[in-house]
Amino acid sequence: MKYILSPSILAADFKKLGEEMCQTAENGAEYLHFDVMDGMFVPSISFGMPVLASIHGATQQVMDVHLMVQEPIRYIEAFKEAGADLVTVHLEACEDVSATIEKIKECNMKVGLSICPDTPAEAVEPYLGELDMVLVMSVHPGFGGQKFIPESLEKIRQIRQMITKRELDVDIQVDGGIYQTNVREVLEAGANVIVAGSAVFKGDPGDNTRRFMEILKSYE
């Protein structure tokens, strides 16, 4: 299994975003996590297609776009044009989950499906065969800096068991409250793609990325 770090630019210093992105790439972060919030599905508003279009050419990292957006199917084509490689939508935000997944596939992007802390693991099972990744939210979506919800570990284990039982090649990404001090628990539960915001961008992004990658590589 491949272990991947996806630094969330929501926590970056936008005055020097390009420089910080490069520091994460140079130290082993293959993905770059792009949190899109619409003020409807979640209370906060972040950024959208113009920002993604302006940064995706500055790095070879996978543009890992997380849409915390009501009815995200409306924006799939626009995010493809802006440079997204992987689009994750929330099961809870889609009127028709299957149609949304199909739309992402039609745009030749990888598909992720996310569930909030209050949504049971079983909710993703009907869609596993169509997915490249499941994103388990280990905090409530919409705000940075929250503490990791311990019950998320059991949910990760349950989803990994479903994937293994069906012999599928599906990544498990976890987002929320992950630091070098608790990432091992998340990996041991079955996750292999780690989103980290403050833990990467507060301080030295390059050094923080390198330290995360040392832990992730020890599991390969």
N, C-alpha and C. Protein backbone atom coordinates (compact mmCIF):
# COMPACT_ATOMS: atom_id res chain seq x y z
N MET A 1 0.84 -1.20 0.00
CA MET A 1 0.00 0.00 0.00
C MET A 1 0.88 1.26 0.00
N LYS A 2 0.47 2.23 -0.77
CA LYS A 2 1.22 3.48 -0.84
C LYS A 2 0.68 4.47 0.18
N TYR A 3 1.59 5.13 0.88
CA TYR A 3 1.21 6.10 1.90
C TYR A 3 1.54 7.51 1.41
N ILE A 4 0.54 8.38 1.50
CA ILE A 4 0.62 9.69 0.86
C ILE A 4 0.24 10.79 1.86
N LEU A 5 0.98 11.90 1.81
CA LEU A 5 0.65 13.09 2.59
C LEU A 5 0.03 14.13 1.66
N SER A 6 -1.09 14.70 2.12
CA SER A 6 -1.80 15.72 1.34
C SER A 6 -1.94 16.98 2.20
N PRO A 7 -0.95 17.88 2.15
CA PRO A 7 -1.02 19.10 2.96
C PRO A 7 -2.19 19.99 2.53
N SER A 8 -2.95 20.46 3.52
CA SER A 8 -4.10 21.31 3.24
C SER A 8 -3.69 22.77 3.21
N ILE A 9 -3.83 23.40 2.04
CA ILE A 9 -3.38 24.78 1.90
C ILE A 9 -4.29 25.76 2.64
N LEU A 10 -5.39 25.28 3.19
CA LEU A 10 -6.26 26.15 3.99
C LEU A 10 -5.47 26.75 5.16
N ALA A 11 -4.43 26.03 5.61
CA ALA A 11 -3.63 26.49 6.75
C ALA A 11 -2.35 27.21 6.32
N ALA A 12 -2.15 27.36 5.01
CA ALA A 12 -0.91 27.97 4.51
C ALA A 12 -0.94 29.49 4.65
N ASP A 13 0.22 30.10 4.53
CA ASP A 13 0.36 31.56 4.48
C ASP A 13 0.23 31.98 3.03
N PHE A 14 -0.88 32.57 2.66
CA PHE A 14 -1.14 32.86 1.25
C PHE A 14 -0.22 33.94 0.69
N LYS A 15 0.47 34.65 1.54
CA LYS A 15 1.46 35.63 1.04
C LYS A 15 2.63 34.93 0.37
N LYS A 16 2.87 33.68 0.78
CA LYS A 16 3.98 32.92 0.20
C LYS A 16 3.55 31.49 -0.13
N LEU A 17 2.34 31.38 -0.67
CA LEU A 17 1.77 30.06 -0.93
C LEU A 17 2.61 29.25 -1.90
N GLY A 18 3.05 29.85 -3.00
CA GLY A 18 3.83 29.11 -3.98
C GLY A 18 5.09 28.52 -3.37
N GLU A 19 5.77 29.32 -2.57
CA GLU A 19 7.00 28.86 -1.91
C GLU A 19 6.71 27.70 -0.96
N GLU A 20 5.62 27.82 -0.18
CA GLU A 20 5.30 26.77 0.79
C GLU A 20 4.85 25.49 0.09
N MET A 21 4.12 25.61 -0.99
CA MET A 21 3.75 24.44 -1.78
C MET A 21 4.99 23.69 -2.25
N CYS A 22 5.95 24.43 -2.77
CA CYS A 22 7.19 23.81 -3.27
C CYS A 22 7.94 23.11 -2.15
N GLN A 23 7.93 23.70 -0.96
CA GLN A 23 8.61 23.07 0.17
C GLN A 23 7.98 21.72 0.51
N THR A 24 6.66 21.63 0.43
CA THR A 24 6.02 20.35 0.73
C THR A 24 6.32 19.33 -0.37
N ALA A 25 6.32 19.77 -1.61
CA ALA A 25 6.61 18.86 -2.73
C ALA A 25 8.04 18.33 -2.66
N GLU A 26 8.98 19.21 -2.37
CA GLU A 26 10.40 18.82 -2.32
C GLU A 26 10.68 17.83 -1.21
N ASN A 27 9.82 17.82 -0.19
CA ASN A 27 10.06 16.93 0.94
C ASN A 27 9.14 15.72 0.96
N GLY A 28 8.45 15.47 -0.17
CA GLY A 28 7.77 14.18 -0.34
C GLY A 28 6.26 14.17 -0.36
N ALA A 29 5.60 15.34 -0.23
CA ALA A 29 4.13 15.36 -0.27
C ALA A 29 3.66 15.26 -1.72
N GLU A 30 3.03 14.14 -2.06
CA GLU A 30 2.62 13.91 -3.45
C GLU A 30 1.33 14.64 -3.81
N TYR A 31 0.49 14.87 -2.82
CA TYR A 31 -0.79 15.54 -3.05
C TYR A 31 -0.77 16.94 -2.44
N LEU A 32 -1.71 17.76 -2.89
CA LEU A 32 -1.98 19.06 -2.27
C LEU A 32 -3.49 19.14 -2.08
N HIS A 33 -3.91 19.31 -0.83
CA HIS A 33 -5.33 19.27 -0.48
C HIS A 33 -5.93 20.66 -0.59
N PHE A 34 -7.05 20.73 -1.31
CA PHE A 34 -7.68 22.01 -1.65
C PHE A 34 -9.11 21.99 -1.13
N ASP A 35 -9.33 22.65 0.00
CA ASP A 35 -10.63 22.62 0.67
C ASP A 35 -11.55 23.71 0.13
N VAL A 36 -12.65 23.30 -0.46
CA VAL A 36 -13.63 24.24 -1.02
C VAL A 36 -14.87 24.24 -0.14
N MET A 37 -15.22 25.40 0.42
CA MET A 37 -16.39 25.53 1.29
C MET A 37 -17.32 26.59 0.73
N ASP A 38 -18.61 26.29 0.76
CA ASP A 38 -19.57 27.14 0.05
C ASP A 38 -20.45 28.01 0.94
N GLY A 39 -20.30 27.89 2.28
CA GLY A 39 -21.17 28.65 3.16
C GLY A 39 -22.58 28.09 3.28
N MET A 40 -22.82 26.94 2.62
CA MET A 40 -24.14 26.30 2.68
C MET A 40 -24.03 24.91 3.31
N PHE A 41 -23.27 24.02 2.68
CA PHE A 41 -23.06 22.70 3.28
C PHE A 41 -22.31 22.84 4.60
N VAL A 42 -21.35 23.76 4.63
CA VAL A 42 -20.65 24.12 5.87
C VAL A 42 -20.78 25.63 6.05
N PRO A 43 -20.65 26.13 7.27
CA PRO A 43 -20.86 27.57 7.48
C PRO A 43 -19.78 28.45 6.86
N SER A 44 -18.56 27.93 6.75
CA SER A 44 -17.46 28.76 6.27
C SER A 44 -17.44 28.87 4.75
N ILE A 45 -16.71 29.87 4.26
CA ILE A 45 -16.45 30.05 2.83
C ILE A 45 -14.93 30.09 2.67
N SER A 46 -14.41 29.37 1.69
CA SER A 46 -12.96 29.38 1.50
C SER A 46 -12.58 29.96 0.15
N PHE A 47 -12.32 29.11 -0.83
CA PHE A 47 -11.89 29.55 -2.15
C PHE A 47 -12.38 28.57 -3.20
N GLY A 48 -12.21 28.93 -4.47
CA GLY A 48 -12.77 28.08 -5.51
C GLY A 48 -11.89 27.96 -6.74
N MET A 49 -12.53 27.89 -7.90
CA MET A 49 -11.84 27.58 -9.14
C MET A 49 -10.71 28.55 -9.49
N PRO A 50 -10.88 29.87 -9.36
CA PRO A 50 -9.80 30.78 -9.76
C PRO A 50 -8.49 30.54 -8.99
N VAL A 51 -8.60 30.24 -7.70
CA VAL A 51 -7.39 29.98 -6.91
C VAL A 51 -6.73 28.69 -7.37
N LEU A 52 -7.54 27.65 -7.59
CA LEU A 52 -6.97 26.38 -8.07
C LEU A 52 -6.30 26.57 -9.42
N ALA A 53 -6.94 27.29 -10.32
CA ALA A 53 -6.36 27.52 -11.64
C ALA A 53 -5.03 28.27 -11.56
N SER A 54 -4.91 29.14 -10.56
CA SER A 54 -3.69 29.94 -10.45
C SER A 54 -2.52 29.18 -9.85
N ILE A 55 -2.80 28.12 -9.09
CA ILE A 55 -1.71 27.42 -8.41
C ILE A 55 -1.35 26.07 -9.02
N HIS A 56 -2.27 25.45 -9.78
CA HIS A 56 -2.00 24.06 -10.17
C HIS A 56 -0.81 23.95 -11.10
N GLY A 57 -0.50 25.01 -11.84
CA GLY A 57 0.67 24.96 -12.72
C GLY A 57 1.98 25.20 -12.03
N ALA A 58 1.93 25.53 -10.72
CA ALA A 58 3.15 25.84 -9.99
C ALA A 58 3.79 24.61 -9.35
N THR A 59 3.13 23.47 -9.46
CA THR A 59 3.64 22.25 -8.84
C THR A 59 3.16 21.04 -9.62
N GLN A 60 3.89 19.94 -9.49
CA GLN A 60 3.50 18.68 -10.11
C GLN A 60 2.67 17.82 -9.17
N GLN A 61 2.36 18.33 -7.99
CA GLN A 61 1.57 17.57 -7.03
C GLN A 61 0.15 17.32 -7.56
N VAL A 62 -0.43 16.22 -7.10
CA VAL A 62 -1.81 15.90 -7.43
C VAL A 62 -2.72 16.92 -6.75
N MET A 63 -3.60 17.54 -7.53
CA MET A 63 -4.55 18.50 -6.98
C MET A 63 -5.75 17.74 -6.41
N ASP A 64 -5.73 17.60 -5.10
CA ASP A 64 -6.68 16.80 -4.33
C ASP A 64 -7.77 17.75 -3.83
N VAL A 65 -8.88 17.82 -4.56
CA VAL A 65 -9.91 18.82 -4.30
C VAL A 65 -11.04 18.23 -3.47
N HIS A 66 -11.29 18.82 -2.33
CA HIS A 66 -12.31 18.37 -1.38
C HIS A 66 -13.46 19.37 -1.40
N LEU A 67 -14.58 18.97 -1.99
CA LEU A 67 -15.72 19.87 -2.15
C LEU A 67 -16.69 19.72 -0.98
N MET A 68 -16.62 20.66 -0.06
CA MET A 68 -17.60 20.76 1.03
C MET A 68 -18.68 21.73 0.54
N VAL A 69 -19.43 21.24 -0.45
CA VAL A 69 -20.32 22.08 -1.25
C VAL A 69 -21.65 21.35 -1.43
N GLN A 70 -22.74 22.07 -1.30
CA GLN A 70 -24.06 21.48 -1.54
C GLN A 70 -24.26 21.23 -3.04
N GLU A 71 -24.72 20.06 -3.39
CA GLU A 71 -24.91 19.65 -4.79
C GLU A 71 -23.65 19.93 -5.64
N PRO A 72 -22.54 19.27 -5.31
CA PRO A 72 -21.27 19.52 -6.01
C PRO A 72 -21.28 19.18 -7.48
N ILE A 73 -22.24 18.37 -7.92
CA ILE A 73 -22.29 17.99 -9.33
C ILE A 73 -22.32 19.23 -10.23
N ARG A 74 -22.79 20.33 -9.71
CA ARG A 74 -22.88 21.59 -10.48
C ARG A 74 -21.51 22.13 -10.88
N TYR A 75 -20.48 21.74 -10.14
CA TYR A 75 -19.17 22.38 -10.32
C TYR A 75 -18.09 21.43 -10.84
N ILE A 76 -18.43 20.19 -11.11
CA ILE A 76 -17.42 19.20 -11.47
C ILE A 76 -16.62 19.62 -12.71
N GLU A 77 -17.31 19.99 -13.76
CA GLU A 77 -16.61 20.37 -15.00
C GLU A 77 -15.71 21.58 -14.77
N ALA A 78 -16.17 22.55 -14.00
CA ALA A 78 -15.38 23.75 -13.76
C ALA A 78 -14.11 23.43 -12.99
N PHE A 79 -14.18 22.50 -12.06
CA PHE A 79 -12.97 22.13 -11.31
C PHE A 79 -12.01 21.32 -12.18
N LYS A 80 -12.54 20.53 -13.09
CA LYS A 80 -11.68 19.85 -14.05
C LYS A 80 -10.90 20.87 -14.87
N GLU A 81 -11.59 21.87 -15.38
CA GLU A 81 -10.94 22.91 -16.19
C GLU A 81 -9.92 23.70 -15.39
N ALA A 82 -10.16 23.84 -14.08
CA ALA A 82 -9.25 24.61 -13.23
C ALA A 82 -8.00 23.82 -12.85
N GLY A 83 -8.02 22.49 -13.09
CA GLY A 83 -6.82 21.70 -12.83
C GLY A 83 -6.93 20.61 -11.80
N ALA A 84 -8.13 20.27 -11.35
CA ALA A 84 -8.30 19.20 -10.36
C ALA A 84 -7.93 17.84 -10.95
N ASP A 85 -7.27 17.01 -10.15
CA ASP A 85 -6.94 15.64 -10.55
C ASP A 85 -7.82 14.62 -9.84
N LEU A 86 -8.17 14.93 -8.62
CA LEU A 86 -8.98 14.07 -7.76
C LEU A 86 -10.03 14.94 -7.10
N VAL A 87 -11.29 14.56 -7.23
CA VAL A 87 -12.38 15.34 -6.62
C VAL A 87 -13.13 14.46 -5.63
N THR A 88 -13.21 14.94 -4.40
CA THR A 88 -13.95 14.26 -3.35
C THR A 88 -15.20 15.07 -3.02
N VAL A 89 -16.33 14.39 -3.00
CA VAL A 89 -17.61 15.03 -2.66
C VAL A 89 -18.15 14.38 -1.39
N HIS A 90 -19.04 15.08 -0.71
CA HIS A 90 -19.65 14.54 0.50
C HIS A 90 -20.93 13.78 0.17
N LEU A 91 -20.99 12.58 0.68
CA LEU A 91 -22.21 11.78 0.51
C LEU A 91 -23.44 12.57 0.98
N GLU A 92 -23.27 13.28 2.08
CA GLU A 92 -24.40 14.00 2.68
C GLU A 92 -24.84 15.22 1.85
N ALA A 93 -23.99 15.66 0.91
CA ALA A 93 -24.27 16.89 0.15
C ALA A 93 -24.86 16.61 -1.23
N CYS A 94 -24.97 15.33 -1.60
CA CYS A 94 -25.40 14.98 -2.96
C CYS A 94 -26.83 14.45 -2.97
N GLU A 95 -27.64 15.01 -3.82
CA GLU A 95 -29.00 14.47 -3.99
C GLU A 95 -28.95 13.11 -4.65
N ASP A 96 -28.01 12.95 -5.60
CA ASP A 96 -27.82 11.68 -6.30
C ASP A 96 -26.33 11.36 -6.29
N VAL A 97 -25.93 10.54 -5.33
CA VAL A 97 -24.50 10.23 -5.16
C VAL A 97 -23.94 9.54 -6.40
N SER A 98 -24.65 8.56 -6.93
CA SER A 98 -24.16 7.80 -8.09
C SER A 98 -23.97 8.69 -9.31
N ALA A 99 -24.90 9.61 -9.55
CA ALA A 99 -24.79 10.52 -10.69
C ALA A 99 -23.59 11.45 -10.53
N THR A 100 -23.33 11.86 -9.29
CA THR A 100 -22.19 12.74 -9.04
C THR A 100 -20.88 12.01 -9.27
N ILE A 101 -20.80 10.78 -8.79
CA ILE A 101 -19.61 9.95 -9.03
C ILE A 101 -19.39 9.77 -10.53
N GLU A 102 -20.45 9.46 -11.25
CA GLU A 102 -20.35 9.25 -12.69
C GLU A 102 -19.88 10.51 -13.41
N LYS A 103 -20.34 11.66 -12.97
CA LYS A 103 -19.93 12.92 -13.59
C LYS A 103 -18.43 13.15 -13.41
N ILE A 104 -17.91 12.85 -12.24
CA ILE A 104 -16.46 12.99 -12.00
C ILE A 104 -15.69 12.05 -12.92
N LYS A 105 -16.17 10.82 -13.07
CA LYS A 105 -15.51 9.86 -13.95
C LYS A 105 -15.54 10.31 -15.40
N GLU A 106 -16.67 10.87 -15.82
CA GLU A 106 -16.79 11.37 -17.19
C GLU A 106 -15.76 12.46 -17.49
N CYS A 107 -15.38 13.19 -16.45
CA CYS A 107 -14.39 14.26 -16.60
C CYS A 107 -12.96 13.75 -16.44
N ASN A 108 -12.81 12.42 -16.38
CA ASN A 108 -11.49 11.78 -16.29
C ASN A 108 -10.69 12.22 -15.07
N MET A 109 -11.40 12.34 -13.94
CA MET A 109 -10.73 12.61 -12.68
C MET A 109 -10.95 11.43 -11.74
N LYS A 110 -10.08 11.28 -10.77
CA LYS A 110 -10.29 10.27 -9.74
C LYS A 110 -11.42 10.73 -8.82
N VAL A 111 -12.08 9.74 -8.21
CA VAL A 111 -13.28 10.01 -7.41
C VAL A 111 -13.07 9.66 -5.95
N GLY A 112 -13.40 10.63 -5.10
CA GLY A 112 -13.42 10.38 -3.67
C GLY A 112 -14.81 10.64 -3.12
N LEU A 113 -15.18 9.89 -2.08
CA LEU A 113 -16.46 10.10 -1.41
C LEU A 113 -16.18 10.28 0.08
N SER A 114 -16.68 11.37 0.65
CA SER A 114 -16.41 11.69 2.04
C SER A 114 -17.65 11.51 2.90
N ILE A 115 -17.40 11.16 4.17
CA ILE A 115 -18.49 11.10 5.15
C ILE A 115 -18.10 11.88 6.40
N CYS A 116 -19.09 12.55 6.97
CA CYS A 116 -18.92 13.35 8.18
C CYS A 116 -18.87 12.44 9.41
N PRO A 117 -18.44 12.99 10.56
CA PRO A 117 -18.34 12.16 11.76
C PRO A 117 -19.63 11.49 12.18
N ASP A 118 -20.77 12.09 11.91
CA ASP A 118 -22.04 11.50 12.34
C ASP A 118 -22.60 10.47 11.36
N THR A 119 -21.93 10.29 10.22
CA THR A 119 -22.39 9.32 9.21
C THR A 119 -21.69 7.98 9.42
N PRO A 120 -22.44 6.87 9.48
CA PRO A 120 -21.80 5.57 9.74
C PRO A 120 -20.98 5.07 8.56
N ALA A 121 -20.02 4.23 8.86
CA ALA A 121 -19.15 3.67 7.83
C ALA A 121 -19.94 2.94 6.75
N GLU A 122 -21.02 2.28 7.14
CA GLU A 122 -21.80 1.47 6.20
C GLU A 122 -22.38 2.30 5.05
N ALA A 123 -22.48 3.59 5.24
CA ALA A 123 -23.08 4.44 4.21
C ALA A 123 -22.28 4.46 2.92
N VAL A 124 -20.97 4.22 2.99
CA VAL A 124 -20.15 4.26 1.77
C VAL A 124 -20.13 2.93 1.03
N GLU A 125 -20.55 1.87 1.70
CA GLU A 125 -20.38 0.52 1.13
C GLU A 125 -21.01 0.35 -0.26
N PRO A 126 -22.21 0.87 -0.51
CA PRO A 126 -22.80 0.67 -1.84
C PRO A 126 -22.00 1.29 -2.99
N TYR A 127 -21.13 2.23 -2.66
CA TYR A 127 -20.41 2.98 -3.71
C TYR A 127 -18.94 2.57 -3.85
N LEU A 128 -18.47 1.68 -2.98
CA LEU A 128 -17.03 1.39 -2.94
C LEU A 128 -16.46 0.95 -4.29
N GLY A 129 -17.21 0.17 -5.02
CA GLY A 129 -16.72 -0.33 -6.30
C GLY A 129 -16.50 0.74 -7.35
N GLU A 130 -17.05 1.93 -7.13
CA GLU A 130 -16.92 3.03 -8.09
C GLU A 130 -15.90 4.07 -7.67
N LEU A 131 -15.27 3.88 -6.51
CA LEU A 131 -14.44 4.92 -5.93
C LEU A 131 -12.95 4.63 -6.05
N ASP A 132 -12.18 5.71 -6.05
CA ASP A 132 -10.73 5.62 -5.91
C ASP A 132 -10.32 5.86 -4.46
N MET A 133 -11.17 6.58 -3.72
CA MET A 133 -10.81 6.96 -2.35
C MET A 133 -12.05 7.22 -1.51
N VAL A 134 -11.97 6.86 -0.24
CA VAL A 134 -12.97 7.26 0.75
C VAL A 134 -12.28 8.24 1.71
N LEU A 135 -12.94 9.37 1.97
CA LEU A 135 -12.41 10.35 2.91
C LEU A 135 -13.23 10.29 4.20
N VAL A 136 -12.57 9.92 5.28
CA VAL A 136 -13.21 9.90 6.59
C VAL A 136 -12.88 11.22 7.28
N MET A 137 -13.89 12.02 7.55
CA MET A 137 -13.69 13.26 8.29
C MET A 137 -13.55 12.93 9.77
N SER A 138 -12.42 13.30 10.35
CA SER A 138 -12.17 13.04 11.77
C SER A 138 -12.39 14.29 12.62
N VAL A 139 -12.96 15.32 12.00
CA VAL A 139 -13.52 16.49 12.67
C VAL A 139 -14.78 16.86 11.90
N HIS A 140 -15.57 17.77 12.44
CA HIS A 140 -16.74 18.24 11.70
C HIS A 140 -16.28 19.22 10.62
N PRO A 141 -16.70 19.02 9.37
CA PRO A 141 -16.17 19.83 8.28
C PRO A 141 -16.54 21.31 8.41
N GLY A 142 -15.63 22.16 7.95
CA GLY A 142 -15.93 23.58 7.90
C GLY A 142 -15.01 24.48 8.68
N PHE A 143 -14.25 23.90 9.61
CA PHE A 143 -13.38 24.72 10.45
C PHE A 143 -12.05 24.02 10.67
N GLY A 144 -10.95 24.75 10.58
CA GLY A 144 -9.63 24.19 10.88
C GLY A 144 -9.37 24.21 12.38
N GLY A 145 -8.33 23.48 12.79
CA GLY A 145 -7.88 23.54 14.16
C GLY A 145 -8.67 22.73 15.17
N GLN A 146 -9.61 21.88 14.73
CA GLN A 146 -10.39 21.07 15.66
C GLN A 146 -9.60 19.85 16.13
N LYS A 147 -10.02 19.30 17.27
CA LYS A 147 -9.37 18.10 17.80
C LYS A 147 -9.89 16.85 17.09
N PHE A 148 -8.99 15.91 16.88
CA PHE A 148 -9.32 14.62 16.26
C PHE A 148 -10.38 13.90 17.08
N ILE A 149 -11.40 13.38 16.41
CA ILE A 149 -12.47 12.62 17.07
C ILE A 149 -12.05 11.15 17.15
N PRO A 150 -11.79 10.62 18.35
CA PRO A 150 -11.23 9.26 18.49
C PRO A 150 -12.08 8.17 17.85
N GLU A 151 -13.41 8.35 17.85
CA GLU A 151 -14.29 7.34 17.26
C GLU A 151 -14.04 7.14 15.77
N SER A 152 -13.33 8.08 15.14
CA SER A 152 -13.01 7.95 13.72
C SER A 152 -12.15 6.72 13.44
N LEU A 153 -11.37 6.31 14.42
CA LEU A 153 -10.47 5.18 14.21
C LEU A 153 -11.26 3.90 13.90
N GLU A 154 -12.34 3.68 14.62
CA GLU A 154 -13.15 2.49 14.38
C GLU A 154 -13.82 2.56 13.00
N LYS A 155 -14.21 3.74 12.60
CA LYS A 155 -14.83 3.91 11.28
C LYS A 155 -13.81 3.60 10.17
N ILE A 156 -12.57 4.04 10.37
CA ILE A 156 -11.51 3.72 9.41
C ILE A 156 -11.31 2.21 9.32
N ARG A 157 -11.27 1.55 10.46
CA ARG A 157 -11.09 0.09 10.48
C ARG A 157 -12.22 -0.61 9.72
N GLN A 158 -13.45 -0.17 9.96
CA GLN A 158 -14.59 -0.80 9.31
C GLN A 158 -14.53 -0.64 7.79
N ILE A 159 -14.17 0.53 7.33
CA ILE A 159 -14.10 0.77 5.88
C ILE A 159 -12.94 -0.01 5.27
N ARG A 160 -11.81 -0.09 5.96
CA ARG A 160 -10.69 -0.88 5.44
C ARG A 160 -11.09 -2.34 5.33
N GLN A 161 -11.86 -2.85 6.30
CA GLN A 161 -12.32 -4.24 6.23
C GLN A 161 -13.23 -4.46 5.03
N MET A 162 -14.13 -3.52 4.76
CA MET A 162 -15.00 -3.61 3.59
C MET A 162 -14.18 -3.68 2.30
N ILE A 163 -13.19 -2.81 2.20
CA ILE A 163 -12.35 -2.74 1.00
C ILE A 163 -11.57 -4.03 0.82
N THR A 164 -11.00 -4.53 1.91
CA THR A 164 -10.20 -5.76 1.86
C THR A 164 -11.06 -6.96 1.50
N LYS A 165 -12.24 -7.03 2.10
CA LYS A 165 -13.15 -8.16 1.85
C LYS A 165 -13.53 -8.24 0.38
N ARG A 166 -13.71 -7.09 -0.25
CA ARG A 166 -14.11 -7.06 -1.66
C ARG A 166 -12.91 -6.99 -2.62
N GLU A 167 -11.71 -7.02 -2.04
CA GLU A 167 -10.46 -7.00 -2.82
C GLU A 167 -10.42 -5.80 -3.78
N LEU A 168 -10.76 -4.65 -3.25
CA LEU A 168 -10.77 -3.42 -4.03
C LEU A 168 -9.49 -2.63 -3.81
N ASP A 169 -9.15 -1.80 -4.77
CA ASP A 169 -8.00 -0.91 -4.67
C ASP A 169 -8.52 0.50 -4.40
N VAL A 170 -8.84 0.77 -3.15
CA VAL A 170 -9.43 2.04 -2.76
C VAL A 170 -8.63 2.63 -1.60
N ASP A 171 -8.19 3.86 -1.74
CA ASP A 171 -7.48 4.54 -0.68
C ASP A 171 -8.45 5.00 0.41
N ILE A 172 -7.93 5.13 1.62
CA ILE A 172 -8.67 5.77 2.71
C ILE A 172 -7.90 7.01 3.14
N GLN A 173 -8.54 8.15 2.95
CA GLN A 173 -7.96 9.42 3.36
C GLN A 173 -8.64 9.85 4.66
N VAL A 174 -7.88 10.48 5.54
CA VAL A 174 -8.43 10.99 6.80
C VAL A 174 -8.04 12.45 6.93
N ASP A 175 -9.01 13.26 7.34
CA ASP A 175 -8.83 14.71 7.39
C ASP A 175 -9.40 15.26 8.70
N GLY A 176 -8.51 15.90 9.47
CA GLY A 176 -8.97 16.61 10.66
C GLY A 176 -8.23 16.27 11.93
N GLY A 177 -7.48 17.24 12.44
CA GLY A 177 -6.84 17.06 13.74
C GLY A 177 -5.69 16.08 13.75
N ILE A 178 -5.03 15.88 12.61
CA ILE A 178 -3.93 14.92 12.54
C ILE A 178 -2.59 15.64 12.65
N TYR A 179 -1.77 15.13 13.55
CA TYR A 179 -0.43 15.66 13.80
C TYR A 179 0.56 14.50 13.85
N GLN A 180 1.84 14.82 13.93
CA GLN A 180 2.84 13.77 14.01
C GLN A 180 2.64 12.91 15.26
N THR A 181 2.02 13.48 16.28
CA THR A 181 1.82 12.76 17.54
C THR A 181 0.73 11.70 17.49
N ASN A 182 -0.21 11.83 16.55
CA ASN A 182 -1.31 10.85 16.50
C ASN A 182 -1.48 10.17 15.15
N VAL A 183 -0.63 10.49 14.18
CA VAL A 183 -0.81 9.95 12.83
C VAL A 183 -0.62 8.43 12.79
N ARG A 184 0.21 7.89 13.67
CA ARG A 184 0.44 6.44 13.66
C ARG A 184 -0.86 5.68 13.96
N GLU A 185 -1.66 6.19 14.88
CA GLU A 185 -2.95 5.54 15.19
C GLU A 185 -3.84 5.48 13.96
N VAL A 186 -3.82 6.56 13.19
CA VAL A 186 -4.66 6.65 11.99
C VAL A 186 -4.18 5.67 10.93
N LEU A 187 -2.87 5.58 10.75
CA LEU A 187 -2.30 4.65 9.78
C LEU A 187 -2.56 3.21 10.19
N GLU A 188 -2.41 2.92 11.47
CA GLU A 188 -2.61 1.55 11.94
C GLU A 188 -4.07 1.12 11.85
N ALA A 189 -4.98 2.08 11.86
CA ALA A 189 -6.40 1.76 11.70
C ALA A 189 -6.74 1.40 10.26
N GLY A 190 -5.89 1.81 9.30
CA GLY A 190 -6.11 1.43 7.91
C GLY A 190 -6.08 2.55 6.89
N ALA A 191 -5.83 3.77 7.34
CA ALA A 191 -5.74 4.89 6.39
C ALA A 191 -4.38 4.88 5.69
N ASN A 192 -4.35 5.44 4.48
CA ASN A 192 -3.07 5.55 3.78
C ASN A 192 -2.85 6.91 3.11
N VAL A 193 -3.85 7.79 3.19
CA VAL A 193 -3.68 9.16 2.68
C VAL A 193 -4.04 10.11 3.81
N ILE A 194 -3.07 10.92 4.20
CA ILE A 194 -3.22 11.77 5.39
C ILE A 194 -3.29 13.24 4.98
N VAL A 195 -4.35 13.90 5.42
CA VAL A 195 -4.48 15.35 5.23
C VAL A 195 -3.99 16.03 6.51
N ALA A 196 -3.13 17.01 6.36
CA ALA A 196 -2.65 17.77 7.50
C ALA A 196 -2.52 19.24 7.09
N GLY A 197 -3.10 20.12 7.88
CA GLY A 197 -3.06 21.55 7.60
C GLY A 197 -2.10 22.27 8.51
N SER A 198 -2.56 22.58 9.70
CA SER A 198 -1.73 23.28 10.68
C SER A 198 -0.44 22.51 10.97
N ALA A 199 -0.54 21.18 11.01
CA ALA A 199 0.62 20.36 11.35
C ALA A 199 1.73 20.45 10.30
N VAL A 200 1.38 20.88 9.10
CA VAL A 200 2.38 21.08 8.04
C VAL A 200 2.78 22.55 7.92
N PHE A 201 1.79 23.43 7.87
CA PHE A 201 2.07 24.82 7.50
C PHE A 201 2.38 25.76 8.65
N LYS A 202 2.12 25.33 9.89
CA LYS A 202 2.52 26.16 11.03
C LYS A 202 3.95 25.79 11.40
N GLY A 203 4.84 26.75 11.24
CA GLY A 203 6.26 26.46 11.44
C GLY A 203 6.95 26.34 10.09
N ASP A 204 7.81 25.36 9.96
CA ASP A 204 8.58 25.15 8.73
C ASP A 204 7.89 24.06 7.89
N PRO A 205 7.21 24.42 6.79
CA PRO A 205 6.47 23.43 6.01
C PRO A 205 7.35 22.30 5.47
N GLY A 206 8.55 22.65 5.06
CA GLY A 206 9.44 21.63 4.51
C GLY A 206 9.85 20.62 5.57
N ASP A 207 10.26 21.10 6.72
CA ASP A 207 10.68 20.22 7.80
C ASP A 207 9.51 19.40 8.33
N ASN A 208 8.35 20.04 8.49
CA ASN A 208 7.17 19.32 8.96
C ASN A 208 6.77 18.22 7.99
N THR A 209 6.84 18.51 6.69
CA THR A 209 6.51 17.50 5.67
C THR A 209 7.48 16.33 5.75
N ARG A 210 8.76 16.66 5.86
CA ARG A 210 9.78 15.60 5.92
C ARG A 210 9.54 14.68 7.11
N ARG A 211 9.20 15.26 8.26
CA ARG A 211 8.97 14.44 9.46
C ARG A 211 7.73 13.56 9.30
N PHE A 212 6.68 14.11 8.70
CA PHE A 212 5.49 13.30 8.41
C PHE A 212 5.86 12.14 7.49
N MET A 213 6.61 12.44 6.43
CA MET A 213 6.95 11.42 5.45
C MET A 213 7.81 10.30 6.05
N GLU A 214 8.65 10.63 6.99
CA GLU A 214 9.44 9.60 7.66
C GLU A 214 8.52 8.59 8.36
N ILE A 215 7.46 9.11 8.97
CA ILE A 215 6.51 8.22 9.65
C ILE A 215 5.73 7.40 8.62
N LEU A 216 5.23 8.06 7.58
CA LEU A 216 4.43 7.35 6.57
C LEU A 216 5.24 6.27 5.87
N LYS A 217 6.48 6.56 5.54
CA LYS A 217 7.31 5.59 4.82
C LYS A 217 7.64 4.37 5.69
N SER A 218 7.60 4.55 6.99
CA SER A 218 7.90 3.42 7.88
C SER A 218 6.80 2.36 7.84
N TYR A 219 5.65 2.69 7.23
CA TYR A 219 4.54 1.75 7.14
C TYR A 219 4.50 1.03 5.78
N GLU A 220 5.34 1.44 4.85
CA GLU A 220 5.30 0.83 3.51
C GLU A 220 6.03 -0.51 3.51
